[in-house]
């Protein structure tokens, strides 16, 4: 995890150098925060063996995920379509393709595709080996 964060920091620090040459890599920060999209502070990193999980989730039009929560920090980017995220506390976040999101941690929420095309979201979880990245509210079995 530290190695991944170090590489990401190096990329951000070097982005201004890369941007001088139009034939090389450009780095764009899509999201950077110490809080979730509702403004809640992110928790400290969990202890245990780090495990990064990358999921591409596709929601067909009119489909909603079940109410769930994540025990670890994660962030996503909506690749295509539209997605509305609902927190159990009443907050709502509307996303369009290309927008990033710092997800809720240990808070019930769900996403719904209320659009006409599939919504594809790429999510990166900073978890612990052997632990689920999602937990459904209405079931004892883990999600994703």
N, C-alpha and C. Protein backbone atom coordinates (compact mmCIF):
# COMPACT_ATOMS: atom_id res chain seq x y z
N UNK A 1 0.83 -1.17 0.00
CA UNK A 1 0.00 0.00 0.00
C UNK A 1 0.88 1.25 0.00
N UNK A 2 1.92 1.25 0.85
CA UNK A 2 2.82 2.39 0.91
C UNK A 2 3.51 2.58 -0.44
N UNK A 3 3.88 1.46 -1.09
CA UNK A 3 4.55 1.54 -2.39
C UNK A 3 3.62 2.17 -3.42
N UNK A 4 2.35 1.78 -3.42
CA UNK A 4 1.39 2.33 -4.38
C UNK A 4 1.20 3.82 -4.13
N UNK A 5 1.08 4.20 -2.86
CA UNK A 5 0.90 5.61 -2.54
C UNK A 5 2.14 6.42 -2.91
N UNK A 6 3.33 5.85 -2.72
CA UNK A 6 4.57 6.54 -3.08
C UNK A 6 4.65 6.77 -4.58
N UNK A 7 4.27 5.76 -5.35
CA UNK A 7 4.29 5.90 -6.81
C UNK A 7 3.29 6.96 -7.25
N UNK A 8 2.10 6.95 -6.64
CA UNK A 8 1.08 7.95 -6.99
C UNK A 8 1.59 9.36 -6.67
N UNK A 9 2.24 9.53 -5.52
CA UNK A 9 2.78 10.84 -5.15
C UNK A 9 3.85 11.27 -6.14
N UNK A 10 4.72 10.36 -6.52
CA UNK A 10 5.76 10.67 -7.49
C UNK A 10 5.15 11.13 -8.82
N UNK A 11 4.08 10.45 -9.26
CA UNK A 11 3.42 10.83 -10.50
C UNK A 11 2.84 12.24 -10.41
N UNK A 12 2.24 12.56 -9.27
CA UNK A 12 1.66 13.89 -9.10
C UNK A 12 2.75 14.95 -9.09
N UNK A 13 3.84 14.69 -8.37
CA UNK A 13 4.93 15.66 -8.30
C UNK A 13 5.60 15.88 -9.64
N UNK A 14 5.66 14.85 -10.45
CA UNK A 14 6.31 14.95 -11.75
C UNK A 14 5.38 15.42 -12.85
N UNK A 15 4.11 15.57 -12.57
CA UNK A 15 3.15 15.90 -13.63
C UNK A 15 3.45 17.23 -14.29
N UNK A 16 3.93 18.21 -13.53
CA UNK A 16 4.22 19.50 -14.16
C UNK A 16 5.38 19.39 -15.13
N UNK A 17 6.36 18.53 -14.83
CA UNK A 17 7.47 18.30 -15.75
C UNK A 17 6.98 17.62 -17.02
N UNK A 18 6.15 16.60 -16.87
CA UNK A 18 5.63 15.87 -18.02
C UNK A 18 4.77 16.76 -18.91
N UNK A 19 4.05 17.69 -18.30
CA UNK A 19 3.12 18.51 -19.05
C UNK A 19 3.82 19.47 -20.01
N UNK A 20 5.12 19.71 -19.83
CA UNK A 20 5.85 20.62 -20.71
C UNK A 20 6.02 20.04 -22.11
N UNK A 21 6.05 18.75 -22.23
CA UNK A 21 6.25 18.09 -23.52
C UNK A 21 4.92 17.46 -23.94
N UNK A 22 4.34 17.92 -25.05
CA UNK A 22 3.03 17.44 -25.46
C UNK A 22 3.05 16.01 -25.98
N UNK A 23 4.22 15.41 -26.13
CA UNK A 23 4.32 14.04 -26.62
C UNK A 23 4.51 13.03 -25.51
N UNK A 24 4.31 13.43 -24.27
CA UNK A 24 4.52 12.52 -23.15
C UNK A 24 3.28 12.45 -22.27
N UNK A 25 3.41 11.76 -21.19
CA UNK A 25 2.30 11.47 -20.28
C UNK A 25 1.81 12.73 -19.57
N UNK A 26 0.50 12.85 -19.43
CA UNK A 26 -0.12 13.90 -18.64
C UNK A 26 -0.81 13.24 -17.46
N UNK A 27 -0.75 13.84 -16.31
CA UNK A 27 -1.39 13.32 -15.11
C UNK A 27 -2.44 14.33 -14.67
N UNK A 28 -3.67 13.86 -14.47
CA UNK A 28 -4.77 14.70 -14.03
C UNK A 28 -5.33 14.12 -12.74
N UNK A 29 -5.39 14.92 -11.70
CA UNK A 29 -5.97 14.46 -10.44
C UNK A 29 -7.49 14.50 -10.57
N UNK A 30 -8.13 13.35 -10.44
CA UNK A 30 -9.58 13.27 -10.56
C UNK A 30 -10.26 13.44 -9.21
N UNK A 31 -9.60 13.00 -8.16
CA UNK A 31 -10.13 13.15 -6.80
C UNK A 31 -8.97 13.07 -5.84
N UNK A 32 -9.03 13.90 -4.80
CA UNK A 32 -8.02 13.87 -3.74
C UNK A 32 -8.68 14.46 -2.52
N UNK A 33 -8.83 13.67 -1.47
CA UNK A 33 -9.55 14.15 -0.31
C UNK A 33 -9.24 13.30 0.91
N UNK A 34 -9.40 13.88 2.06
CA UNK A 34 -9.30 13.13 3.30
C UNK A 34 -10.69 12.92 3.89
N UNK A 35 -11.73 13.22 3.07
CA UNK A 35 -13.11 13.00 3.48
C UNK A 35 -13.86 12.25 2.39
N UNK A 36 -14.98 11.64 2.75
CA UNK A 36 -15.84 10.97 1.77
C UNK A 36 -16.66 12.03 1.04
N UNK A 37 -17.50 11.60 0.10
CA UNK A 37 -18.31 12.56 -0.66
C UNK A 37 -19.34 13.26 0.21
N UNK A 38 -19.65 12.71 1.39
CA UNK A 38 -20.59 13.39 2.30
C UNK A 38 -19.87 14.31 3.28
N UNK A 39 -18.53 14.33 3.24
CA UNK A 39 -17.76 15.18 4.14
C UNK A 39 -17.26 14.49 5.39
N UNK A 40 -17.61 13.21 5.57
CA UNK A 40 -17.13 12.46 6.73
C UNK A 40 -15.63 12.20 6.59
N UNK A 41 -14.86 12.28 7.68
CA UNK A 41 -13.42 12.02 7.58
C UNK A 41 -13.16 10.55 7.26
N UNK A 42 -12.13 10.31 6.46
CA UNK A 42 -11.73 8.94 6.18
C UNK A 42 -11.08 8.34 7.41
N UNK A 43 -11.27 7.03 7.64
CA UNK A 43 -10.66 6.39 8.82
C UNK A 43 -9.17 6.18 8.60
N UNK A 44 -8.48 5.85 9.69
CA UNK A 44 -7.06 5.49 9.58
C UNK A 44 -6.96 4.19 8.78
N UNK A 45 -5.80 3.96 8.18
CA UNK A 45 -5.60 2.72 7.44
C UNK A 45 -5.75 1.53 8.38
N UNK A 46 -6.37 0.49 7.89
CA UNK A 46 -6.58 -0.72 8.67
C UNK A 46 -5.25 -1.46 8.85
N UNK A 47 -5.18 -2.25 9.90
CA UNK A 47 -3.99 -3.07 10.11
C UNK A 47 -4.23 -4.45 9.52
N UNK A 48 -3.18 -5.10 9.12
CA UNK A 48 -3.27 -6.41 8.48
C UNK A 48 -2.49 -6.39 7.19
N UNK A 49 -2.59 -7.47 6.45
CA UNK A 49 -1.90 -7.57 5.16
C UNK A 49 -2.67 -6.76 4.12
N UNK A 50 -2.07 -5.71 3.57
CA UNK A 50 -2.78 -4.88 2.59
C UNK A 50 -3.17 -5.68 1.35
N UNK A 51 -4.32 -5.36 0.82
CA UNK A 51 -4.78 -5.97 -0.42
C UNK A 51 -5.55 -4.93 -1.21
N UNK A 52 -5.09 -4.62 -2.39
CA UNK A 52 -5.78 -3.67 -3.27
C UNK A 52 -6.66 -4.47 -4.21
N UNK A 53 -7.92 -4.06 -4.32
CA UNK A 53 -8.88 -4.70 -5.22
C UNK A 53 -9.37 -3.65 -6.21
N UNK A 54 -9.38 -3.99 -7.48
CA UNK A 54 -9.89 -3.10 -8.52
C UNK A 54 -11.07 -3.80 -9.18
N UNK A 55 -12.24 -3.18 -9.12
CA UNK A 55 -13.44 -3.76 -9.71
C UNK A 55 -14.02 -2.83 -10.77
N UNK A 56 -14.51 -3.43 -11.85
CA UNK A 56 -15.29 -2.69 -12.82
C UNK A 56 -16.72 -3.19 -12.65
N UNK A 57 -17.61 -2.30 -12.26
CA UNK A 57 -18.99 -2.66 -11.96
C UNK A 57 -19.88 -2.04 -13.03
N UNK A 58 -20.73 -2.86 -13.65
CA UNK A 58 -21.65 -2.38 -14.68
C UNK A 58 -23.08 -2.54 -14.18
N UNK A 59 -23.79 -1.44 -14.10
CA UNK A 59 -25.20 -1.45 -13.72
C UNK A 59 -26.05 -1.16 -14.95
N UNK A 60 -26.91 -2.09 -15.34
CA UNK A 60 -27.81 -1.83 -16.46
C UNK A 60 -28.79 -0.70 -16.11
N UNK A 61 -29.40 -0.09 -17.11
CA UNK A 61 -30.38 0.97 -16.85
C UNK A 61 -31.49 0.46 -15.92
N UNK A 62 -31.87 1.29 -14.96
CA UNK A 62 -32.96 0.95 -14.05
C UNK A 62 -32.57 0.03 -12.91
N UNK A 63 -31.30 -0.33 -12.78
CA UNK A 63 -30.85 -1.25 -11.74
C UNK A 63 -30.19 -0.48 -10.60
N UNK A 64 -30.47 -0.93 -9.37
CA UNK A 64 -29.84 -0.35 -8.18
C UNK A 64 -29.11 -1.44 -7.42
N UNK A 65 -27.99 -1.09 -6.85
CA UNK A 65 -27.27 -2.02 -5.97
C UNK A 65 -28.04 -2.14 -4.66
N UNK A 66 -27.86 -3.21 -3.91
CA UNK A 66 -28.48 -3.29 -2.59
C UNK A 66 -27.78 -2.33 -1.62
N UNK A 67 -28.47 -1.97 -0.56
CA UNK A 67 -27.87 -1.14 0.49
C UNK A 67 -26.66 -1.91 1.03
N UNK A 68 -25.53 -1.22 1.13
CA UNK A 68 -24.29 -1.87 1.57
C UNK A 68 -23.35 -0.84 2.19
N UNK A 69 -22.26 -1.33 2.77
CA UNK A 69 -21.21 -0.45 3.26
C UNK A 69 -19.86 -1.09 2.98
N UNK A 70 -18.82 -0.26 3.05
CA UNK A 70 -17.46 -0.71 2.82
C UNK A 70 -16.66 -0.53 4.10
N UNK A 71 -15.96 -1.58 4.55
CA UNK A 71 -15.15 -1.44 5.76
C UNK A 71 -13.81 -0.77 5.51
N UNK A 72 -13.48 -0.48 4.24
CA UNK A 72 -12.19 0.11 3.88
C UNK A 72 -12.39 1.28 2.93
N UNK A 73 -11.38 2.12 2.88
CA UNK A 73 -11.42 3.25 1.95
C UNK A 73 -11.43 2.76 0.51
N UNK A 74 -12.14 3.50 -0.32
CA UNK A 74 -12.16 3.20 -1.75
C UNK A 74 -12.57 4.44 -2.52
N UNK A 75 -12.21 4.43 -3.79
CA UNK A 75 -12.57 5.54 -4.66
C UNK A 75 -12.89 4.98 -6.03
N UNK A 76 -13.74 5.67 -6.75
CA UNK A 76 -14.12 5.20 -8.07
C UNK A 76 -14.23 6.33 -9.06
N UNK A 77 -14.27 5.92 -10.32
CA UNK A 77 -14.51 6.86 -11.41
C UNK A 77 -15.59 6.26 -12.31
N UNK A 78 -16.57 7.07 -12.64
CA UNK A 78 -17.63 6.61 -13.52
C UNK A 78 -17.11 6.67 -14.95
N UNK A 79 -16.97 5.52 -15.59
CA UNK A 79 -16.42 5.44 -16.93
C UNK A 79 -17.44 5.82 -18.00
N UNK A 80 -18.69 5.41 -17.78
CA UNK A 80 -19.75 5.73 -18.74
C UNK A 80 -21.10 5.73 -18.05
N UNK A 81 -22.05 6.42 -18.67
CA UNK A 81 -23.40 6.48 -18.12
C UNK A 81 -23.53 7.49 -17.01
N UNK A 82 -24.54 7.30 -16.19
CA UNK A 82 -24.82 8.15 -15.04
C UNK A 82 -25.09 7.27 -13.84
N UNK A 83 -24.79 7.77 -12.65
CA UNK A 83 -24.99 7.00 -11.43
C UNK A 83 -25.42 7.96 -10.33
N UNK A 84 -26.42 7.57 -9.56
CA UNK A 84 -26.84 8.34 -8.40
C UNK A 84 -26.54 7.50 -7.17
N UNK A 85 -25.85 8.11 -6.20
CA UNK A 85 -25.50 7.41 -4.97
C UNK A 85 -26.32 8.00 -3.83
N UNK A 86 -26.95 7.13 -3.06
CA UNK A 86 -27.81 7.52 -1.96
C UNK A 86 -27.22 7.04 -0.65
N UNK A 87 -27.01 7.95 0.30
CA UNK A 87 -26.56 7.58 1.64
C UNK A 87 -27.81 7.38 2.51
N UNK A 88 -27.72 6.47 3.46
CA UNK A 88 -28.84 6.20 4.35
C UNK A 88 -29.25 7.45 5.13
N UNK A 89 -28.32 8.36 5.30
CA UNK A 89 -28.58 9.59 6.05
C UNK A 89 -29.30 10.66 5.22
N UNK A 90 -29.53 10.39 3.93
CA UNK A 90 -30.29 11.30 3.08
C UNK A 90 -29.48 12.05 2.04
N UNK A 91 -28.15 12.05 2.15
CA UNK A 91 -27.35 12.73 1.14
C UNK A 91 -27.44 11.99 -0.19
N UNK A 92 -27.37 12.75 -1.27
CA UNK A 92 -27.45 12.19 -2.63
C UNK A 92 -26.34 12.81 -3.46
N UNK A 93 -25.70 11.97 -4.27
CA UNK A 93 -24.63 12.43 -5.16
C UNK A 93 -24.93 11.92 -6.56
N UNK A 94 -25.01 12.83 -7.55
CA UNK A 94 -25.23 12.47 -8.94
C UNK A 94 -23.89 12.50 -9.66
N UNK A 95 -23.57 11.43 -10.37
CA UNK A 95 -22.31 11.35 -11.11
C UNK A 95 -22.59 11.19 -12.60
N UNK A 96 -21.73 11.83 -13.40
CA UNK A 96 -21.75 11.67 -14.85
C UNK A 96 -20.42 11.08 -15.26
N UNK A 97 -20.36 10.50 -16.44
CA UNK A 97 -19.14 9.87 -16.94
C UNK A 97 -17.95 10.81 -16.79
N UNK A 98 -16.85 10.26 -16.27
CA UNK A 98 -15.63 11.02 -16.07
C UNK A 98 -15.47 11.59 -14.67
N UNK A 99 -16.53 11.55 -13.87
CA UNK A 99 -16.44 12.09 -12.52
C UNK A 99 -15.97 11.02 -11.54
N UNK A 100 -15.18 11.46 -10.55
CA UNK A 100 -14.63 10.56 -9.53
C UNK A 100 -15.38 10.75 -8.22
N UNK A 101 -15.24 9.75 -7.34
CA UNK A 101 -15.96 9.75 -6.07
C UNK A 101 -15.11 9.08 -5.00
N UNK A 102 -14.95 9.74 -3.84
CA UNK A 102 -14.35 9.12 -2.68
C UNK A 102 -15.52 8.52 -1.91
N UNK A 103 -15.56 7.20 -1.83
CA UNK A 103 -16.72 6.49 -1.29
C UNK A 103 -16.85 6.61 0.22
N UNK A 104 -18.05 6.26 0.69
CA UNK A 104 -18.34 6.21 2.12
C UNK A 104 -17.68 4.97 2.72
N UNK A 105 -17.26 5.08 3.98
CA UNK A 105 -16.66 3.97 4.71
C UNK A 105 -17.51 3.74 5.97
N UNK A 106 -17.90 2.48 6.18
CA UNK A 106 -18.71 2.11 7.34
C UNK A 106 -19.99 2.93 7.44
N UNK A 107 -20.59 3.23 6.31
CA UNK A 107 -21.85 3.96 6.25
C UNK A 107 -22.72 3.32 5.17
N UNK A 108 -23.99 3.08 5.48
CA UNK A 108 -24.90 2.42 4.54
C UNK A 108 -25.23 3.35 3.38
N UNK A 109 -25.20 2.80 2.17
CA UNK A 109 -25.49 3.55 0.96
C UNK A 109 -25.75 2.58 -0.19
N UNK A 110 -26.19 3.12 -1.32
CA UNK A 110 -26.33 2.31 -2.53
C UNK A 110 -26.28 3.23 -3.74
N UNK A 111 -25.97 2.63 -4.89
CA UNK A 111 -25.94 3.36 -6.15
C UNK A 111 -27.04 2.86 -7.05
N UNK A 112 -27.57 3.75 -7.88
CA UNK A 112 -28.64 3.39 -8.81
C UNK A 112 -28.37 4.02 -10.17
N UNK A 113 -28.61 3.24 -11.21
CA UNK A 113 -28.53 3.75 -12.57
C UNK A 113 -29.93 4.14 -12.99
N UNK A 114 -30.19 5.43 -12.96
CA UNK A 114 -31.50 5.95 -13.34
C UNK A 114 -31.51 6.45 -14.78
N UNK A 115 -30.43 6.15 -15.50
CA UNK A 115 -30.31 6.60 -16.89
C UNK A 115 -30.78 5.55 -17.87
N UNK A 116 -30.49 5.80 -19.17
CA UNK A 116 -30.94 4.94 -20.26
C UNK A 116 -29.86 4.02 -20.81
N UNK A 117 -28.62 4.17 -20.33
CA UNK A 117 -27.51 3.33 -20.80
C UNK A 117 -26.81 2.71 -19.59
N UNK A 118 -26.07 1.63 -19.79
CA UNK A 118 -25.35 1.04 -18.67
C UNK A 118 -24.39 2.05 -18.02
N UNK A 119 -24.29 1.96 -16.71
CA UNK A 119 -23.33 2.78 -15.96
C UNK A 119 -22.16 1.88 -15.58
N UNK A 120 -20.97 2.28 -15.98
CA UNK A 120 -19.77 1.50 -15.66
C UNK A 120 -18.89 2.32 -14.73
N UNK A 121 -18.55 1.74 -13.58
CA UNK A 121 -17.71 2.43 -12.62
C UNK A 121 -16.52 1.56 -12.28
N UNK A 122 -15.35 2.16 -12.25
CA UNK A 122 -14.12 1.48 -11.87
C UNK A 122 -13.81 1.90 -10.43
N UNK A 123 -13.71 0.92 -9.53
CA UNK A 123 -13.52 1.20 -8.10
C UNK A 123 -12.25 0.54 -7.61
N UNK A 124 -11.46 1.29 -6.83
CA UNK A 124 -10.23 0.77 -6.23
C UNK A 124 -10.41 0.78 -4.71
N UNK A 125 -10.25 -0.39 -4.10
CA UNK A 125 -10.40 -0.57 -2.66
C UNK A 125 -9.03 -0.78 -2.02
N UNK A 126 -8.77 -0.09 -0.91
CA UNK A 126 -7.55 -0.28 -0.13
C UNK A 126 -7.94 -1.13 1.08
N UNK A 127 -7.95 -2.46 0.88
CA UNK A 127 -8.45 -3.36 1.91
C UNK A 127 -7.40 -4.18 2.60
N UNK A 128 -7.88 -5.23 3.25
CA UNK A 128 -7.05 -6.18 3.98
C UNK A 128 -7.30 -7.56 3.40
N UNK A 129 -6.24 -8.31 3.16
CA UNK A 129 -6.35 -9.66 2.59
C UNK A 129 -7.32 -10.51 3.39
N UNK A 130 -8.21 -11.18 2.66
CA UNK A 130 -9.17 -12.09 3.28
C UNK A 130 -10.44 -11.43 3.80
N UNK A 131 -10.51 -10.11 3.73
CA UNK A 131 -11.70 -9.38 4.21
C UNK A 131 -12.53 -8.90 3.02
N UNK A 132 -13.86 -8.88 3.14
CA UNK A 132 -14.70 -8.40 2.03
C UNK A 132 -14.56 -6.89 1.86
N UNK A 133 -14.76 -6.41 0.64
CA UNK A 133 -14.70 -4.97 0.38
C UNK A 133 -16.09 -4.33 0.49
N UNK A 134 -17.15 -5.15 0.48
CA UNK A 134 -18.52 -4.66 0.63
C UNK A 134 -19.30 -5.62 1.52
N UNK A 135 -20.22 -5.05 2.30
CA UNK A 135 -21.09 -5.86 3.15
C UNK A 135 -22.52 -5.40 2.92
N UNK A 136 -23.37 -6.34 2.52
CA UNK A 136 -24.79 -6.02 2.28
C UNK A 136 -25.51 -5.85 3.60
N UNK A 137 -26.43 -4.89 3.64
CA UNK A 137 -27.20 -4.63 4.86
C UNK A 137 -28.20 -5.74 5.14
N UNK A 138 -28.82 -6.26 4.10
CA UNK A 138 -29.90 -7.23 4.26
C UNK A 138 -29.43 -8.68 4.24
N UNK A 139 -28.13 -8.91 4.34
CA UNK A 139 -27.62 -10.28 4.31
C UNK A 139 -26.35 -10.36 5.13
N UNK A 140 -26.06 -11.53 5.63
CA UNK A 140 -24.83 -11.71 6.38
C UNK A 140 -23.67 -12.01 5.45
N UNK A 141 -23.96 -12.37 4.20
CA UNK A 141 -22.88 -12.68 3.27
C UNK A 141 -22.33 -11.39 2.66
N UNK A 142 -21.00 -11.34 2.44
CA UNK A 142 -20.39 -10.15 1.84
C UNK A 142 -20.86 -9.91 0.42
N UNK A 143 -20.80 -8.66 0.01
CA UNK A 143 -21.04 -8.31 -1.39
C UNK A 143 -19.78 -8.53 -2.17
N UNK A 144 -19.60 -7.83 -3.26
CA UNK A 144 -18.45 -7.92 -4.18
C UNK A 144 -17.34 -8.69 -3.54
